[in-house]
Amino acid sequence: MVALAGNLYQDVGITWGDGRGKILNNGQLLTLSLDRVSGSGFQSNNQYLYGKIDMQIKLVPGNSAGTVTAYYVSLI
């Protein structure tokens, strides 16, 4: 069994968002926010052959009809 504990401070960079992207909990949590002005994004500092993405998406309270709950992956 191989266990890997990454540190987001070392593993990723927040590429845009003007403060909407944050790394918290000693590098264990990445939060990306969207507001009326813009969103946020990040990129890996390393290249990988494969990977897994887990996320929790929080909707606005009340009527969130029409909210697009998606994320985009770009391979460069």
PDB file of N, CA and C in Angstrom:
ATOM      1  N   MET A   1       0.847  -1.171   0.000  1.00  0.00           N
ATOM      2  CA  MET A   1       0.000   0.000   0.000  1.00  0.00           C
ATOM      3  C   MET A   1       0.891   1.233   0.000  1.00  0.00           C
ATOM      4  N   VAL A   2       0.540   2.201  -0.787  1.00  0.00           N
ATOM      5  CA  VAL A   2       1.276   3.459  -0.849  1.00  0.00           C
ATOM      6  C   VAL A   2       0.354   4.565  -0.372  1.00  0.00           C
ATOM      7  N   ALA A   3       0.816   5.366   0.559  1.00  0.00           N
ATOM      8  CA  ALA A   3       0.050   6.515   1.041  1.00  0.00           C
ATOM      9  C   ALA A   3       0.772   7.782   0.631  1.00  0.00           C
ATOM     10  N   LEU A   4       0.037   8.708   0.113  1.00  0.00           N
ATOM     11  CA  LEU A   4       0.629   9.961  -0.327  1.00  0.00           C
ATOM     12  C   LEU A   4      -0.158  11.109   0.273  1.00  0.00           C
ATOM     13  N   ALA A   5       0.510  11.932   1.038  1.00  0.00           N
ATOM     14  CA  ALA A   5      -0.124  13.118   1.613  1.00  0.00           C
ATOM     15  C   ALA A   5       0.478  14.335   0.940  1.00  0.00           C
ATOM     16  N   GLY A   6      -0.278  14.946   0.054  1.00  0.00           N
ATOM     17  CA  GLY A   6       0.218  16.106  -0.673  1.00  0.00           C
ATOM     18  C   GLY A   6       0.060  17.384   0.125  1.00  0.00           C
ATOM     19  N   ASN A   7       0.748  18.397  -0.317  1.00  0.00           N
ATOM     20  CA  ASN A   7       0.632  19.719   0.268  1.00  0.00           C
ATOM     21  C   ASN A   7       0.301  20.680  -0.867  1.00  0.00           C
ATOM     22  N   LEU A   8      -0.884  21.242  -0.835  1.00  0.00           N
ATOM     23  CA  LEU A   8      -1.335  22.097  -1.924  1.00  0.00           C
ATOM     24  C   LEU A   8      -0.474  23.339  -2.084  1.00  0.00           C
ATOM     25  N   TYR A   9       0.161  23.801  -1.017  1.00  0.00           N
ATOM     26  CA  TYR A   9       1.073  24.943  -1.148  1.00  0.00           C
ATOM     27  C   TYR A   9       2.206  24.615  -2.118  1.00  0.00           C
ATOM     28  N   GLN A  10       2.630  23.363  -2.146  1.00  0.00           N
ATOM     29  CA  GLN A  10       3.722  22.938  -3.017  1.00  0.00           C
ATOM     30  C   GLN A  10       3.223  22.378  -4.345  1.00  0.00           C
ATOM     31  N   ASP A  11       2.029  21.786  -4.354  1.00  0.00           N
ATOM     32  CA  ASP A  11       1.559  21.013  -5.500  1.00  0.00           C
ATOM     33  C   ASP A  11       0.770  21.802  -6.537  1.00  0.00           C
ATOM     34  N   VAL A  12       0.136  22.901  -6.150  1.00  0.00           N
ATOM     35  CA  VAL A  12      -0.687  23.661  -7.093  1.00  0.00           C
ATOM     36  C   VAL A  12      -0.414  25.152  -6.963  1.00  0.00           C
ATOM     37  N   GLY A  13      -0.819  25.872  -7.979  1.00  0.00           N
ATOM     38  CA  GLY A  13      -0.769  27.330  -7.948  1.00  0.00           C
ATOM     39  C   GLY A  13      -2.119  27.887  -8.331  1.00  0.00           C
ATOM     40  N   ILE A  14      -2.579  28.888  -7.627  1.00  0.00           N
ATOM     41  CA  ILE A  14      -3.832  29.550  -7.974  1.00  0.00           C
ATOM     42  C   ILE A  14      -3.527  30.494  -9.130  1.00  0.00           C
ATOM     43  N   THR A  15      -4.178  30.269 -10.259  1.00  0.00           N
ATOM     44  CA  THR A  15      -3.826  30.979 -11.488  1.00  0.00           C
ATOM     45  C   THR A  15      -4.630  32.251 -11.718  1.00  0.00           C
ATOM     46  N   TRP A  16      -5.831  32.331 -11.193  1.00  0.00           N
ATOM     47  CA  TRP A  16      -6.632  33.533 -11.348  1.00  0.00           C
ATOM     48  C   TRP A  16      -7.744  33.546 -10.317  1.00  0.00           C
ATOM     49  N   GLY A  17      -8.323  34.710 -10.099  1.00  0.00           N
ATOM     50  CA  GLY A  17      -9.442  34.808  -9.183  1.00  0.00           C
ATOM     51  C   GLY A  17      -9.365  35.966  -8.219  1.00  0.00           C
ATOM     52  N   ASP A  18      -8.252  36.688  -8.173  1.00  0.00           N
ATOM     53  CA  ASP A  18      -8.150  37.886  -7.341  1.00  0.00           C
ATOM     54  C   ASP A  18      -8.631  37.637  -5.909  1.00  0.00           C
ATOM     55  N   GLY A  19      -8.082  36.609  -5.265  1.00  0.00           N
ATOM     56  CA  GLY A  19      -8.431  36.301  -3.879  1.00  0.00           C
ATOM     57  C   GLY A  19      -9.574  35.322  -3.714  1.00  0.00           C
ATOM     58  N   ARG A  20     -10.195  34.877  -4.806  1.00  0.00           N
ATOM     59  CA  ARG A  20     -11.310  33.932  -4.707  1.00  0.00           C
ATOM     60  C   ARG A  20     -10.838  32.495  -4.539  1.00  0.00           C
ATOM     61  N   GLY A  21      -9.596  32.224  -4.882  1.00  0.00           N
ATOM     62  CA  GLY A  21      -9.011  30.904  -4.666  1.00  0.00           C
ATOM     63  C   GLY A  21      -8.116  30.943  -3.444  1.00  0.00           C
ATOM     64  N   LYS A  22      -8.282  29.975  -2.544  1.00  0.00           N
ATOM     65  CA  LYS A  22      -7.510  29.971  -1.297  1.00  0.00           C
ATOM     66  C   LYS A  22      -7.064  28.558  -0.953  1.00  0.00           C
ATOM     67  N   ILE A  23      -5.890  28.457  -0.371  1.00  0.00           N
ATOM     68  CA  ILE A  23      -5.386  27.195   0.167  1.00  0.00           C
ATOM     69  C   ILE A  23      -5.437  27.315   1.682  1.00  0.00           C
ATOM     70  N   LEU A  24      -6.110  26.364   2.326  1.00  0.00           N
ATOM     71  CA  LEU A  24      -6.359  26.416   3.765  1.00  0.00           C
ATOM     72  C   LEU A  24      -5.916  25.125   4.446  1.00  0.00           C
ATOM     73  N   ASN A  25      -6.095  25.065   5.749  1.00  0.00           N
ATOM     74  CA  ASN A  25      -5.834  23.863   6.563  1.00  0.00           C
ATOM     75  C   ASN A  25      -4.442  23.293   6.328  1.00  0.00           C
ATOM     76  N   ASN A  26      -3.430  24.143   6.453  1.00  0.00           N
ATOM     77  CA  ASN A  26      -2.034  23.708   6.298  1.00  0.00           C
ATOM     78  C   ASN A  26      -1.773  23.036   4.956  1.00  0.00           C
ATOM     79  N   GLY A  27      -2.403  23.537   3.900  1.00  0.00           N
ATOM     80  CA  GLY A  27      -2.171  23.001   2.568  1.00  0.00           C
ATOM     81  C   GLY A  27      -2.981  21.775   2.223  1.00  0.00           C
ATOM     82  N   GLN A  28      -4.006  21.455   2.999  1.00  0.00           N
ATOM     83  CA  GLN A  28      -4.815  20.266   2.750  1.00  0.00           C
ATOM     84  C   GLN A  28      -6.147  20.560   2.061  1.00  0.00           C
ATOM     85  N   LEU A  29      -6.526  21.825   1.935  1.00  0.00           N
ATOM     86  CA  LEU A  29      -7.833  22.188   1.382  1.00  0.00           C
ATOM     87  C   LEU A  29      -7.675  23.354   0.413  1.00  0.00           C
ATOM     88  N   LEU A  30      -8.279  23.214  -0.751  1.00  0.00           N
ATOM     89  CA  LEU A  30      -8.300  24.279  -1.752  1.00  0.00           C
ATOM     90  C   LEU A  30      -9.742  24.712  -1.939  1.00  0.00           C
ATOM     91  N   THR A  31     -10.018  26.003  -1.801  1.00  0.00           N
ATOM     92  CA  THR A  31     -11.363  26.514  -2.050  1.00  0.00           C
ATOM     93  C   THR A  31     -11.318  27.465  -3.236  1.00  0.00           C
ATOM     94  N   LEU A  32     -12.295  27.333  -4.105  1.00  0.00           N
ATOM     95  CA  LEU A  32     -12.458  28.211  -5.261  1.00  0.00           C
ATOM     96  C   LEU A  32     -13.845  28.821  -5.170  1.00  0.00           C
ATOM     97  N   SER A  33     -13.931  30.133  -5.313  1.00  0.00           N
ATOM     98  CA  SER A  33     -15.214  30.819  -5.184  1.00  0.00           C
ATOM     99  C   SER A  33     -15.602  31.507  -6.481  1.00  0.00           C
ATOM    100  N   LEU A  34     -16.890  31.679  -6.631  1.00  0.00           N
ATOM    101  CA  LEU A  34     -17.481  32.376  -7.769  1.00  0.00           C
ATOM    102  C   LEU A  34     -18.388  33.461  -7.207  1.00  0.00           C
ATOM    103  N   ASP A  35     -18.267  34.671  -7.707  1.00  0.00           N
ATOM    104  CA  ASP A  35     -19.180  35.739  -7.315  1.00  0.00           C
ATOM    105  C   ASP A  35     -19.713  36.428  -8.572  1.00  0.00           C
ATOM    106  N   ARG A  36     -20.352  37.562  -8.425  1.00  0.00           N
ATOM    107  CA  ARG A  36     -20.957  38.252  -9.570  1.00  0.00           C
ATOM    108  C   ARG A  36     -19.923  38.811 -10.540  1.00  0.00           C
ATOM    109  N   VAL A  37     -18.674  38.923 -10.106  1.00  0.00           N
ATOM    110  CA  VAL A  37     -17.626  39.507 -10.940  1.00  0.00           C
ATOM    111  C   VAL A  37     -16.858  38.449 -11.717  1.00  0.00           C
ATOM    112  N   SER A  38     -16.438  37.387 -11.044  1.00  0.00           N
ATOM    113  CA  SER A  38     -15.585  36.389 -11.689  1.00  0.00           C
ATOM    114  C   SER A  38     -15.541  35.116 -10.858  1.00  0.00           C
ATOM    115  N   GLY A  39     -14.736  34.183 -11.297  1.00  0.00           N
ATOM    116  CA  GLY A  39     -14.521  32.931 -10.588  1.00  0.00           C
ATOM    117  C   GLY A  39     -13.072  32.812 -10.173  1.00  0.00           C
ATOM    118  N   SER A  40     -12.560  31.599 -10.165  1.00  0.00           N
ATOM    119  CA  SER A  40     -11.171  31.363  -9.778  1.00  0.00           C
ATOM    120  C   SER A  40     -10.703  30.057 -10.396  1.00  0.00           C
ATOM    121  N   GLY A  41      -9.391  29.880 -10.420  1.00  0.00           N
ATOM    122  CA  GLY A  41      -8.840  28.671 -11.011  1.00  0.00           C
ATOM    123  C   GLY A  41      -7.481  28.334 -10.436  1.00  0.00           C
ATOM    124  N   PHE A  42      -7.050  27.110 -10.696  1.00  0.00           N
ATOM    125  CA  PHE A  42      -5.744  26.664 -10.219  1.00  0.00           C
ATOM    126  C   PHE A  42      -5.148  25.707 -11.229  1.00  0.00           C
ATOM    127  N   GLN A  43      -3.860  25.463 -11.102  1.00  0.00           N
ATOM    128  CA  GLN A  43      -3.200  24.475 -11.946  1.00  0.00           C
ATOM    129  C   GLN A  43      -2.198  23.696 -11.118  1.00  0.00           C
ATOM    130  N   SER A  44      -1.950  22.482 -11.548  1.00  0.00           N
ATOM    131  CA  SER A  44      -0.965  21.630 -10.895  1.00  0.00           C
ATOM    132  C   SER A  44       0.436  22.097 -11.253  1.00  0.00           C
ATOM    133  N   ASN A  45       1.339  21.982 -10.322  1.00  0.00           N
ATOM    134  CA  ASN A  45       2.745  22.286 -10.588  1.00  0.00           C
ATOM    135  C   ASN A  45       3.470  21.095 -11.205  1.00  0.00           C
ATOM    136  N   ASN A  46       2.806  19.954 -11.273  1.00  0.00           N
ATOM    137  CA  ASN A  46       3.404  18.727 -11.794  1.00  0.00           C
ATOM    138  C   ASN A  46       2.539  18.146 -12.902  1.00  0.00           C
ATOM    139  N   GLN A  47       3.106  17.239 -13.674  1.00  0.00           N
ATOM    140  CA  GLN A  47       2.360  16.515 -14.696  1.00  0.00           C
ATOM    141  C   GLN A  47       2.044  15.119 -14.170  1.00  0.00           C
ATOM    142  N   TYR A  48       0.858  14.614 -14.523  1.00  0.00           N
ATOM    143  CA  TYR A  48       0.420  13.301 -14.068  1.00  0.00           C
ATOM    144  C   TYR A  48      -0.139  12.510 -15.243  1.00  0.00           C
ATOM    145  N   LEU A  49       0.029  11.209 -15.196  1.00  0.00           N
ATOM    146  CA  LEU A  49      -0.539  10.337 -16.214  1.00  0.00           C
ATOM    147  C   LEU A  49      -2.037  10.137 -15.976  1.00  0.00           C
ATOM    148  N   TYR A  50      -2.439  10.070 -14.714  1.00  0.00           N
ATOM    149  CA  TYR A  50      -3.849   9.929 -14.364  1.00  0.00           C
ATOM    150  C   TYR A  50      -4.053  10.546 -12.987  1.00  0.00           C
ATOM    151  N   GLY A  51      -5.290  10.739 -12.612  1.00  0.00           N
ATOM    152  CA  GLY A  51      -5.572  11.343 -11.317  1.00  0.00           C
ATOM    153  C   GLY A  51      -7.036  11.214 -10.960  1.00  0.00           C
ATOM    154  N   LYS A  52      -7.386  11.746  -9.825  1.00  0.00           N
ATOM    155  CA  LYS A  52      -8.750  11.704  -9.322  1.00  0.00           C
ATOM    156  C   LYS A  52      -9.083  13.078  -8.745  1.00  0.00           C
ATOM    157  N   ILE A  53     -10.265  13.553  -9.042  1.00  0.00           N
ATOM    158  CA  ILE A  53     -10.722  14.832  -8.523  1.00  0.00           C
ATOM    159  C   ILE A  53     -11.983  14.587  -7.711  1.00  0.00           C
ATOM    160  N   ASP A  54     -11.985  15.042  -6.480  1.00  0.00           N
ATOM    161  CA  ASP A  54     -13.173  15.010  -5.629  1.00  0.00           C
ATOM    162  C   ASP A  54     -13.510  16.445  -5.260  1.00  0.00           C
ATOM    163  N   MET A  55     -14.785  16.773  -5.320  1.00  0.00           N
ATOM    164  CA  MET A  55     -15.150  18.130  -4.934  1.00  0.00           C
ATOM    165  C   MET A  55     -16.552  18.166  -4.368  1.00  0.00           C
ATOM    166  N   GLN A  56     -16.789  19.189  -3.585  1.00  0.00           N
ATOM    167  CA  GLN A  56     -18.106  19.492  -3.063  1.00  0.00           C
ATOM    168  C   GLN A  56     -18.477  20.861  -3.601  1.00  0.00           C
ATOM    169  N   ILE A  57     -19.662  20.964  -4.190  1.00  0.00           N
ATOM    170  CA  ILE A  57     -20.117  22.225  -4.758  1.00  0.00           C
ATOM    171  C   ILE A  57     -21.286  22.730  -3.926  1.00  0.00           C
ATOM    172  N   LYS A  58     -21.143  23.924  -3.392  1.00  0.00           N
ATOM    173  CA  LYS A  58     -22.187  24.521  -2.564  1.00  0.00           C
ATOM    174  C   LYS A  58     -22.993  25.502  -3.412  1.00  0.00           C
ATOM    175  N   LEU A  59     -24.296  25.306  -3.445  1.00  0.00           N
ATOM    176  CA  LEU A  59     -25.178  26.197  -4.193  1.00  0.00           C
ATOM    177  C   LEU A  59     -25.623  27.365  -3.322  1.00  0.00           C
ATOM    178  N   VAL A  60     -26.115  28.400  -3.970  1.00  0.00           N
ATOM    179  CA  VAL A  60     -26.646  29.538  -3.230  1.00  0.00           C
ATOM    180  C   VAL A  60     -27.889  29.091  -2.477  1.00  0.00           C
ATOM    181  N   PRO A  61     -28.184  29.695  -1.341  1.00  0.00           N
ATOM    182  CA  PRO A  61     -29.392  29.324  -0.606  1.00  0.00           C
ATOM    183  C   PRO A  61     -30.653  29.705  -1.382  1.00  0.00           C
ATOM    184  N   GLY A  62     -31.710  28.992  -1.128  1.00  0.00           N
ATOM    185  CA  GLY A  62     -32.981  29.302  -1.782  1.00  0.00           C
ATOM    186  C   GLY A  62     -33.073  28.693  -3.164  1.00  0.00           C
ATOM    187  N   ASN A  63     -33.616  29.436  -4.090  1.00  0.00           N
ATOM    188  CA  ASN A  63     -33.835  28.958  -5.447  1.00  0.00           C
ATOM    189  C   ASN A  63     -32.536  29.048  -6.243  1.00  0.00           C
ATOM    190  N   SER A  64     -31.925  27.906  -6.475  1.00  0.00           N
ATOM    191  CA  SER A  64     -30.668  27.880  -7.239  1.00  0.00           C
ATOM    192  C   SER A  64     -30.888  27.314  -8.642  1.00  0.00           C
ATOM    193  N   ALA A  65     -32.135  27.347  -9.104  1.00  0.00           N
ATOM    194  CA  ALA A  65     -32.438  26.844 -10.444  1.00  0.00           C
ATOM    195  C   ALA A  65     -31.627  27.613 -11.474  1.00  0.00           C
ATOM    196  N   GLY A  66     -31.074  26.894 -12.422  1.00  0.00           N
ATOM    197  CA  GLY A  66     -30.284  27.522 -13.468  1.00  0.00           C
ATOM    198  C   GLY A  66     -28.803  27.621 -13.158  1.00  0.00           C
ATOM    199  N   THR A  67     -28.411  27.243 -11.949  1.00  0.00           N
ATOM    200  CA  THR A  67     -26.991  27.263 -11.601  1.00  0.00           C
ATOM    201  C   THR A  67     -26.288  26.110 -12.295  1.00  0.00           C
ATOM    202  N   VAL A  68     -25.222  26.400 -12.988  1.00  0.00           N
ATOM    203  CA  VAL A  68     -24.442  25.369 -13.666  1.00  0.00           C
ATOM    204  C   VAL A  68     -23.393  24.859 -12.686  1.00  0.00           C
ATOM    205  N   THR A  69     -23.521  23.603 -12.293  1.00  0.00           N
ATOM    206  CA  THR A  69     -22.565  23.009 -11.353  1.00  0.00           C
ATOM    207  C   THR A  69     -21.601  22.147 -12.145  1.00  0.00           C
ATOM    208  N   ALA A  70     -20.550  22.759 -12.618  1.00  0.00           N
ATOM    209  CA  ALA A  70     -19.589  22.059 -13.457  1.00  0.00           C
ATOM    210  C   ALA A  70     -18.184  22.560 -13.163  1.00  0.00           C
ATOM    211  N   TYR A  71     -17.230  21.765 -13.551  1.00  0.00           N
ATOM    212  CA  TYR A  71     -15.845  22.205 -13.528  1.00  0.00           C
ATOM    213  C   TYR A  71     -15.206  21.752 -14.825  1.00  0.00           C
ATOM    214  N   TYR A  72     -14.160  22.416 -15.216  1.00  0.00           N
ATOM    215  CA  TYR A  72     -13.523  22.152 -16.494  1.00  0.00           C
ATOM    216  C   TYR A  72     -12.073  21.756 -16.273  1.00  0.00           C
ATOM    217  N   VAL A  73     -11.635  20.769 -17.019  1.00  0.00           N
ATOM    218  CA  VAL A  73     -10.251  20.313 -16.959  1.00  0.00           C
ATOM    219  C   VAL A  73      -9.606  20.637 -18.294  1.00  0.00           C
ATOM    220  N   SER A  74      -8.473  21.275 -18.257  1.00  0.00           N
ATOM    221  CA  SER A  74      -7.747  21.632 -19.466  1.00  0.00           C
ATOM    222  C   SER A  74      -6.413  20.909 -19.470  1.00  0.00           C
ATOM    223  N   LEU A  75      -6.126  20.212 -20.542  1.00  0.00           N
ATOM    224  CA  LEU A  75      -4.854  19.514 -20.682  1.00  0.00           C
ATOM    225  C   LEU A  75      -3.975  20.314 -21.619  1.00  0.00           C
ATOM    226  N   ILE A  76      -2.822  20.693 -21.128  1.00  0.00           N
ATOM    227  CA  ILE A  76      -1.916  21.512 -21.935  1.00  0.00           C
ATOM    228  C   ILE A  76      -0.707  20.704 -22.319  1.00  0.00           C
TER     229      ILE A  76
END
